[in-house]
Amino acid sequence: MSGEIERLRQEIADLDQNLLENLKRRFHLAARVGALKAQQGQPVVVREVEERVLERARQAAVLCGTSPEVMEAIFSAIVRGSVERQYRDRLESNGRGGARVLVLGAAGAMGGWLCRFLETVGHDAAGLDPKWKDRVPGGGRYASLGDIPDLDAFDAVIVSVPLEATADVLASLAEASIRVPVVEIASIKSHLGETLANFRATGIPAISLHPMFGPGKNIFEPLTMVHAVIDDEVAERSAILDLMAHPYLDLVSLPFEHHDRLMGWLLGLAHLTGMLFADSLSHSGLDPEEMARTASTTFSRQALTARSILEEDPDLYFSIQRLNPFRGEVYAALGAALEELTGAVESDDPAAFADILSRAAKVLPSH
C-alpha cells in the first residue's frame, strides 16, 4: 500500500514539474503580449480578457472534479502573475533613473522599500539611519548627517522617518544648509506646514508626498501616491515624476491644507473602526476560539481587517490619530452614525434603518 502511495506521489511530482514548465511558457507569452501592448499604448490590465480566462477556469471545474471557486482562485493567481510580469518588464525597460538620492530612515521598513524601489528604477540610492551608528560610514550607508562629506552631492533627499520625528529631521536638514530638493512622505502633514514653507522661502525645493501603501507593496504594480501641493503644482509634480520614474504611478495632487482632512477619513476612520471592532470584542467576555469556529463570513472579513491594523506599529497609529487636526469631525461623525443606527433599531423603525444604509452605500467606492 505504501509503495503505491509513493508511486502516485512521484507521478504527481512529475505532473507538477510539467505544470511549472507550462507556467513558465505562459508567463513568457504574457510578457510578449505585454511588450506589444506597450508598443501600441495599451494598458496592462484588460478586465474583459481576464474575465474570459476566469470563466474558462470556472467552466472546467466539473471536468477537474473540483469547485468553480477553487478553479477561479488558481487562475486568478496565474493572471496576477502574468500582470506582474508585464508590469515588471515595462518598469525595467522604462529605466530612466540616473539620480543620486539619499533616504533618511533607510533602516526602517518604508525607508528600505524606498531604497529598493529607487535602485529598481535606475537611481543610485544611499541611506542614513541612526541604527547604523556602530558601522563605519561609507558604501552608501551613514548614521548621521555629519558622516556625509557633501549633502549637496545628492540630487534629492527623501525623509522617511517616524511620523513624530519628521519635523525635527526637517529642521536638522535646514540647519545643515541643504540646497537640494527635500521630499517628505509623512502620513499627516499639518504640523510640517511651517517648516516646509520656510524651505521654499529660502529657495530649497520642498515636496510633500504620501505613498498610499506600506512597505509590503509590490514594486512591480501600479502605485498610488498623494502629492500635497506646497507652492508650484506643476514644478513639484514634474520633480516627483522624475524621481519616482515609475510608468504606472497614479499621482494625485491636492492642496496641502486638504491632505489631513482627507486622511482623517481614509486613514483615521479606517484604522479607528478596526480598533473599535477588536476592542469591543475584548469587552464581550466570549472565548476567541469559540468565535473563530462559529464565525460568519462577514465577521471573518472584519476580523482579518482588524488584525492587520492591530499588527501595525501602535506608535504610528497613535500619531496618525493625534497629529491630525481634523480628527474631531471624524470622531463626531462616528458617534452620530452609531447613535443614528442604534436609534433606528431601538425605535423599531426599519424604514429609517434602510434609508441610512441606502445613503451610506452611495458614498462607498465602486471598486
Protein backbone atom coordinates (compact mmCIF):
# COMPACT_ATOMS: atom_id res chain seq x y z
CA MET A 1 0.00 0.00 0.00
CA SER A 2 2.75 2.46 0.98
CA GLY A 3 4.59 1.63 -2.26
CA GLU A 4 1.51 2.56 -4.30
CA ILE A 5 1.18 5.84 -2.40
CA GLU A 6 4.80 6.73 -3.12
CA ARG A 7 4.37 5.86 -6.79
CA LEU A 8 1.33 8.13 -7.06
CA ARG A 9 3.12 10.93 -5.22
CA GLN A 10 6.00 10.67 -7.68
CA GLU A 11 3.55 10.84 -10.56
CA ILE A 12 2.06 13.96 -9.00
CA ALA A 13 5.54 15.46 -8.63
CA ASP A 14 6.20 14.79 -12.31
CA LEU A 15 2.94 16.49 -13.23
CA ASP A 16 3.86 19.45 -11.00
CA GLN A 17 7.08 19.80 -12.96
CA ASN A 18 5.11 19.81 -16.20
CA LEU A 19 2.79 22.44 -14.75
CA LEU A 20 5.76 24.61 -13.82
CA GLU A 21 7.17 24.32 -17.34
CA ASN A 22 3.80 25.30 -18.77
CA LEU A 23 3.55 28.23 -16.35
CA LYS A 24 6.99 29.39 -17.43
CA ARG A 25 5.84 29.23 -21.06
CA ARG A 26 2.59 31.02 -20.21
CA PHE A 27 4.37 33.88 -18.42
CA HIS A 28 6.75 34.19 -21.36
CA LEU A 29 3.82 34.51 -23.76
CA ALA A 30 2.17 37.03 -21.43
CA ALA A 31 5.38 39.07 -21.48
CA ARG A 32 5.34 39.09 -25.29
CA VAL A 33 1.72 40.25 -25.24
CA GLY A 34 2.70 42.95 -22.73
CA ALA A 35 5.53 44.18 -24.97
CA LEU A 36 3.15 44.50 -27.91
CA LYS A 37 0.59 46.32 -25.75
CA ALA A 38 3.31 48.72 -24.61
CA GLN A 39 4.25 49.49 -28.22
CA GLN A 40 0.61 50.21 -29.01
CA GLY A 41 0.00 52.27 -25.87
CA GLN A 42 -2.48 49.77 -24.45
CA PRO A 43 -2.93 49.22 -20.70
CA VAL A 44 -1.52 46.16 -18.95
CA VAL A 45 -4.80 45.20 -17.32
CA VAL A 46 -7.70 44.35 -19.65
CA ARG A 47 -10.60 43.24 -17.47
CA GLU A 48 -12.62 41.62 -20.27
CA VAL A 49 -9.71 39.33 -21.16
CA GLU A 50 -9.12 38.42 -17.51
CA GLU A 51 -12.80 37.58 -17.06
CA ARG A 52 -12.74 35.29 -20.10
CA VAL A 53 -9.79 33.40 -18.57
CA LEU A 54 -11.59 33.04 -15.24
CA GLU A 55 -14.82 31.95 -16.90
CA ARG A 56 -12.98 29.20 -18.78
CA ALA A 57 -11.50 28.09 -15.46
CA ARG A 58 -14.89 28.03 -13.73
CA GLN A 59 -16.42 26.03 -16.56
CA ALA A 60 -13.64 23.44 -16.28
CA ALA A 61 -14.42 22.77 -12.60
CA VAL A 62 -16.61 19.73 -13.25
CA LEU A 63 -14.02 18.25 -15.61
CA CYS A 64 -11.37 18.67 -12.91
CA GLY A 65 -13.58 17.33 -10.15
CA THR A 66 -13.41 20.46 -8.02
CA SER A 67 -15.43 23.61 -7.37
CA PRO A 68 -15.62 26.72 -9.58
CA GLU A 69 -14.27 28.72 -6.63
CA VAL A 70 -11.09 26.63 -6.48
CA MET A 71 -10.53 26.90 -10.23
CA GLU A 72 -11.12 30.65 -10.13
CA ALA A 73 -8.63 31.03 -7.27
CA ILE A 74 -5.96 29.06 -9.18
CA PHE A 75 -6.35 31.04 -12.37
CA SER A 76 -6.70 34.35 -10.54
CA ALA A 77 -3.21 33.74 -9.16
CA ILE A 78 -1.92 32.91 -12.64
CA VAL A 79 -3.48 36.08 -14.04
CA ARG A 80 -1.90 38.14 -11.24
CA GLY A 81 1.46 36.57 -12.09
CA SER A 82 1.06 37.46 -15.76
CA VAL A 83 0.09 41.04 -14.92
CA GLU A 84 3.06 41.38 -12.55
CA ARG A 85 5.39 40.08 -15.25
CA GLN A 86 4.12 42.69 -17.70
CA TYR A 87 4.47 45.50 -15.16
CA ARG A 88 7.96 44.27 -14.25
CA ASP A 89 9.08 44.26 -17.88
CA ARG A 90 7.68 47.72 -18.57
CA LEU A 91 9.23 49.16 -15.42
CA GLU A 92 12.66 47.70 -16.17
CA SER A 93 12.56 48.83 -19.80
CA ASN A 94 11.46 52.30 -18.70
CA GLY A 95 14.74 52.65 -16.77
CA ARG A 96 15.12 56.44 -16.66
CA GLY A 97 16.71 56.90 -13.22
CA GLY A 98 20.26 58.17 -13.03
CA ALA A 99 19.96 60.37 -9.92
CA ARG A 100 21.76 60.11 -6.57
CA VAL A 101 19.17 60.00 -3.79
CA LEU A 102 19.67 59.94 -0.02
CA VAL A 103 16.94 58.23 2.04
CA LEU A 104 16.74 59.26 5.71
CA GLY A 105 15.35 56.43 7.83
CA ALA A 106 16.66 53.81 5.43
CA ALA A 107 16.84 51.08 8.09
CA GLY A 108 13.10 51.34 8.62
CA ALA A 109 10.59 49.27 6.67
CA MET A 110 9.39 52.09 4.41
CA GLY A 111 12.85 53.56 4.05
CA GLY A 112 14.17 50.17 2.96
CA TRP A 113 11.33 49.86 0.45
CA LEU A 114 12.22 53.27 -0.99
CA CYS A 115 15.89 52.31 -1.37
CA ARG A 116 14.95 49.13 -3.24
CA PHE A 117 12.45 50.99 -5.39
CA LEU A 118 14.89 53.76 -6.31
CA GLU A 119 17.54 51.24 -7.27
CA THR A 120 14.98 49.35 -9.38
CA VAL A 121 14.10 52.44 -11.42
CA GLY A 122 17.76 53.20 -12.06
CA HIS A 123 18.75 55.66 -9.31
CA ASP A 124 21.75 55.38 -7.02
CA ALA A 125 20.20 55.18 -3.53
CA ALA A 126 22.17 55.86 -0.34
CA GLY A 127 20.73 55.54 3.15
CA LEU A 128 21.06 57.25 6.50
CA ASP A 129 19.81 55.88 9.80
CA PRO A 130 20.95 56.24 13.44
CA LYS A 131 20.61 52.46 13.77
CA TRP A 132 23.84 52.22 11.77
CA LYS A 133 25.87 54.18 14.33
CA ASP A 134 28.17 51.20 15.02
CA ARG A 135 29.20 50.69 11.41
CA VAL A 136 31.92 52.52 9.52
CA PRO A 137 30.38 55.27 7.35
CA GLY A 138 30.58 54.72 3.62
CA GLY A 139 29.34 52.35 1.00
CA GLY A 140 26.13 54.35 0.76
CA ARG A 141 25.23 53.78 4.44
CA TYR A 142 25.52 56.55 7.05
CA ALA A 143 24.45 57.03 10.66
CA SER A 144 24.22 60.84 10.74
CA LEU A 145 24.32 63.90 8.52
CA GLY A 146 27.78 64.63 9.89
CA ASP A 147 29.07 61.43 8.29
CA ILE A 148 28.28 62.75 4.81
CA PRO A 149 31.02 64.93 3.31
CA ASP A 150 28.75 66.80 0.91
CA LEU A 151 24.96 66.65 1.19
CA ASP A 152 24.59 68.71 -1.95
CA ALA A 153 26.25 65.94 -3.96
CA PHE A 154 22.88 64.22 -3.89
CA ASP A 155 20.13 65.13 -6.32
CA ALA A 156 17.41 64.72 -3.69
CA VAL A 157 16.84 63.74 -0.07
CA ILE A 158 13.80 61.71 0.97
CA VAL A 159 12.70 61.87 4.61
CA SER A 160 11.19 58.53 5.65
CA VAL A 161 11.35 58.63 9.45
CA PRO A 162 8.79 58.02 12.23
CA LEU A 163 5.90 60.47 11.99
CA GLU A 164 6.65 62.12 15.35
CA ALA A 165 10.28 62.71 14.30
CA THR A 166 9.66 64.19 10.85
CA ALA A 167 9.51 67.85 11.96
CA ASP A 168 12.81 67.59 13.87
CA VAL A 169 14.56 65.84 10.98
CA LEU A 170 13.40 68.52 8.55
CA ALA A 171 14.70 71.16 10.95
CA SER A 172 18.08 69.42 11.07
CA LEU A 173 18.26 69.49 7.27
CA ALA A 174 17.56 73.23 7.33
CA GLU A 175 20.33 73.71 9.90
CA ALA A 176 22.70 71.77 7.63
CA SER A 177 22.01 74.40 4.93
CA ILE A 178 20.98 71.76 2.43
CA ARG A 179 20.36 73.06 -1.08
CA VAL A 180 18.92 70.01 -2.87
CA PRO A 181 15.23 69.08 -3.10
CA VAL A 182 13.78 67.60 0.10
CA VAL A 183 10.87 65.15 -0.14
CA GLU A 184 8.95 64.18 3.00
CA ILE A 185 6.47 61.29 2.98
CA ALA A 186 4.62 61.76 6.29
CA SER A 187 1.09 60.38 6.65
CA ILE A 188 -0.03 63.55 8.46
CA LYS A 189 1.30 66.92 7.33
CA SER A 190 -0.34 69.91 9.05
CA HIS A 191 2.36 70.11 11.73
CA LEU A 192 5.01 70.29 8.98
CA GLY A 193 3.48 73.19 7.08
CA GLU A 194 5.57 75.99 8.59
CA THR A 195 8.86 74.11 8.19
CA LEU A 196 8.12 73.22 4.56
CA ALA A 197 7.11 76.82 3.81
CA ASN A 198 10.42 78.01 5.29
CA PHE A 199 12.28 75.62 2.98
CA ARG A 200 10.54 77.11 -0.03
CA ALA A 201 11.09 80.65 1.21
CA THR A 202 14.86 80.09 1.38
CA GLY A 203 14.96 78.61 -2.12
CA ILE A 204 15.12 74.95 -1.11
CA PRO A 205 12.68 72.87 -3.18
CA ALA A 206 10.40 71.07 -0.73
CA ILE A 207 7.95 68.39 -1.79
CA SER A 208 5.23 66.76 0.28
CA LEU A 209 4.39 63.22 -0.84
CA HIS A 210 2.31 60.45 0.72
CA PRO A 211 2.57 56.88 -0.61
CA MET A 212 -0.84 55.28 -0.13
CA PHE A 213 0.64 51.87 0.66
CA GLY A 214 3.00 50.25 3.12
CA PRO A 215 6.40 48.59 2.81
CA GLY A 216 4.82 45.31 1.74
CA LYS A 217 3.79 46.83 -1.59
CA ASN A 218 4.98 45.00 -4.69
CA ILE A 219 7.22 47.37 -6.67
CA PHE A 220 6.01 45.80 -9.92
CA GLU A 221 2.43 47.01 -9.52
CA PRO A 222 0.67 50.33 -10.01
CA LEU A 223 1.49 52.78 -7.21
CA THR A 224 -0.81 55.47 -5.83
CA MET A 225 0.76 58.48 -4.14
CA VAL A 226 -0.83 61.69 -2.90
CA HIS A 227 1.00 64.92 -3.65
CA ALA A 228 0.17 67.69 -1.17
CA VAL A 229 0.90 70.84 -3.15
CA ILE A 230 3.04 73.31 -1.22
CA ASP A 231 3.58 76.01 -3.82
CA ASP A 232 4.02 75.23 -7.53
CA GLU A 233 1.96 72.17 -8.51
CA VAL A 234 3.44 71.80 -12.00
CA ALA A 235 7.08 72.04 -10.86
CA GLU A 236 6.51 69.75 -7.88
CA ARG A 237 4.72 67.12 -9.98
CA SER A 238 7.49 67.19 -12.56
CA ALA A 239 10.12 66.63 -9.85
CA ILE A 240 8.14 63.74 -8.33
CA LEU A 241 7.62 62.03 -11.68
CA ASP A 242 11.33 62.32 -12.49
CA LEU A 243 12.29 60.95 -9.08
CA MET A 244 9.83 58.07 -8.99
CA ALA A 245 10.31 57.19 -12.68
CA HIS A 246 7.51 54.63 -12.50
CA PRO A 247 5.33 54.16 -15.60
CA TYR A 248 2.28 53.23 -13.51
CA LEU A 249 2.42 55.88 -10.82
CA ASP A 250 -1.00 57.37 -10.12
CA LEU A 251 -0.01 60.74 -8.64
CA VAL A 252 -2.97 62.56 -7.09
CA SER A 253 -2.26 66.25 -6.46
CA LEU A 254 -4.37 68.17 -3.96
CA PRO A 255 -3.99 71.29 -1.79
CA PHE A 256 -1.66 70.85 1.18
CA GLU A 257 -4.40 72.13 3.50
CA HIS A 258 -6.82 69.45 2.29
CA HIS A 259 -4.49 66.48 2.79
CA ASP A 260 -5.03 65.88 6.50
CA ARG A 261 -8.80 66.31 6.32
CA LEU A 262 -8.92 63.63 3.62
CA MET A 263 -6.59 61.37 5.62
CA GLY A 264 -8.75 61.78 8.68
CA TRP A 265 -11.31 59.68 6.85
CA LEU A 266 -9.11 57.45 4.67
CA LEU A 267 -6.67 56.56 7.45
CA GLY A 268 -8.03 57.81 10.76
CA LEU A 269 -11.55 56.43 10.39
CA ALA A 270 -10.43 53.21 8.71
CA HIS A 271 -7.92 52.49 11.48
CA LEU A 272 -10.35 53.54 14.20
CA THR A 273 -13.16 51.24 13.10
CA GLY A 274 -10.81 48.27 13.06
CA MET A 275 -9.55 49.10 16.54
CA LEU A 276 -13.07 49.62 17.85
CA PHE A 277 -14.22 46.30 16.39
CA ALA A 278 -11.47 44.38 18.18
CA ASP A 279 -11.64 46.37 21.41
CA SER A 280 -15.40 45.89 21.59
CA LEU A 281 -14.86 42.15 21.31
CA SER A 282 -12.43 42.33 24.21
CA HIS A 283 -15.35 43.52 26.37
CA SER A 284 -17.65 40.70 25.25
CA GLY A 285 -16.27 38.01 27.54
CA LEU A 286 -16.59 35.49 24.73
CA ASP A 287 -13.99 32.82 24.02
CA PRO A 288 -11.89 33.80 20.93
CA GLU A 289 -11.67 30.15 19.87
CA GLU A 290 -15.44 29.77 20.01
CA MET A 291 -15.88 32.93 17.93
CA ALA A 292 -13.34 31.68 15.39
CA ARG A 293 -15.07 28.30 14.98
CA THR A 294 -18.54 29.80 14.60
CA ALA A 295 -17.62 32.99 12.71
CA SER A 296 -19.75 34.22 9.84
CA THR A 297 -18.15 35.32 6.59
CA THR A 298 -18.69 38.98 7.49
CA PHE A 299 -17.16 38.52 10.94
CA SER A 300 -14.12 36.76 9.49
CA ARG A 301 -13.53 39.55 7.00
CA GLN A 302 -13.84 42.20 9.69
CA ALA A 303 -11.53 40.24 11.98
CA LEU A 304 -8.87 39.96 9.28
CA THR A 305 -9.00 43.70 8.65
CA ALA A 306 -8.86 44.47 12.37
CA ARG A 307 -5.91 42.13 12.87
CA SER A 308 -3.98 43.75 10.01
CA ILE A 309 -4.42 47.09 11.80
CA LEU A 310 -3.52 45.80 15.25
CA GLU A 311 -0.34 44.18 13.92
CA GLU A 312 0.99 47.57 12.79
CA ASP A 313 3.13 49.90 14.90
CA PRO A 314 0.87 51.31 17.66
CA ASP A 315 3.03 54.43 17.99
CA LEU A 316 2.49 55.23 14.31
CA TYR A 317 -1.24 54.67 14.51
CA PHE A 318 -1.46 56.80 17.66
CA SER A 319 0.39 59.61 15.88
CA ILE A 320 -1.89 59.37 12.85
CA GLN A 321 -4.81 59.98 15.20
CA ARG A 322 -3.23 62.57 17.49
CA LEU A 323 -1.46 64.75 14.92
CA ASN A 324 -4.47 65.09 12.63
CA PRO A 325 -6.21 68.39 13.44
CA PHE A 326 -9.38 67.14 11.74
CA ARG A 327 -9.84 64.11 13.99
CA GLY A 328 -12.64 65.83 15.90
CA GLU A 329 -15.00 65.87 12.93
CA VAL A 330 -14.28 62.20 12.27
CA TYR A 331 -14.98 61.25 15.89
CA ALA A 332 -18.18 63.33 15.88
CA ALA A 333 -19.40 61.68 12.66
CA LEU A 334 -18.62 58.22 14.02
CA GLY A 335 -20.60 58.93 17.18
CA ALA A 336 -23.50 60.42 15.22
CA ALA A 337 -23.63 57.44 12.86
CA LEU A 338 -23.69 54.98 15.76
CA GLU A 339 -26.42 56.94 17.50
CA GLU A 340 -28.49 57.17 14.31
CA LEU A 341 -28.26 53.45 13.52
CA THR A 342 -28.92 52.25 17.04
CA GLY A 343 -31.69 54.83 17.35
CA ALA A 344 -33.49 53.36 14.35
CA VAL A 345 -33.21 49.88 15.86
CA GLU A 346 -34.31 50.88 19.36
CA SER A 347 -37.28 52.83 17.99
CA ASP A 348 -38.28 49.84 15.82
CA ASP A 349 -38.04 51.87 12.60
CA PRO A 350 -36.96 49.56 9.74
CA ALA A 351 -37.66 52.23 7.12
CA ALA A 352 -35.24 54.66 8.78
CA PHE A 353 -32.68 51.87 9.13
CA ALA A 354 -32.96 51.03 5.42
CA ASP A 355 -32.67 54.72 4.47
CA ILE A 356 -29.46 55.04 6.48
CA LEU A 357 -27.94 52.01 4.76
CA SER A 358 -29.02 53.24 1.33
CA ARG A 359 -27.46 56.65 1.94
CA ALA A 360 -24.28 55.05 3.25
CA ALA A 361 -23.92 52.76 0.25
CA LYS A 362 -23.87 55.74 -2.11
CA VAL A 363 -20.63 57.14 -0.68
CA LEU A 364 -18.63 53.91 -0.87
CA PRO A 365 -16.14 53.47 -3.75
CA SER A 366 -17.47 51.30 -6.55
CA HIS A 367 -14.34 49.11 -6.61
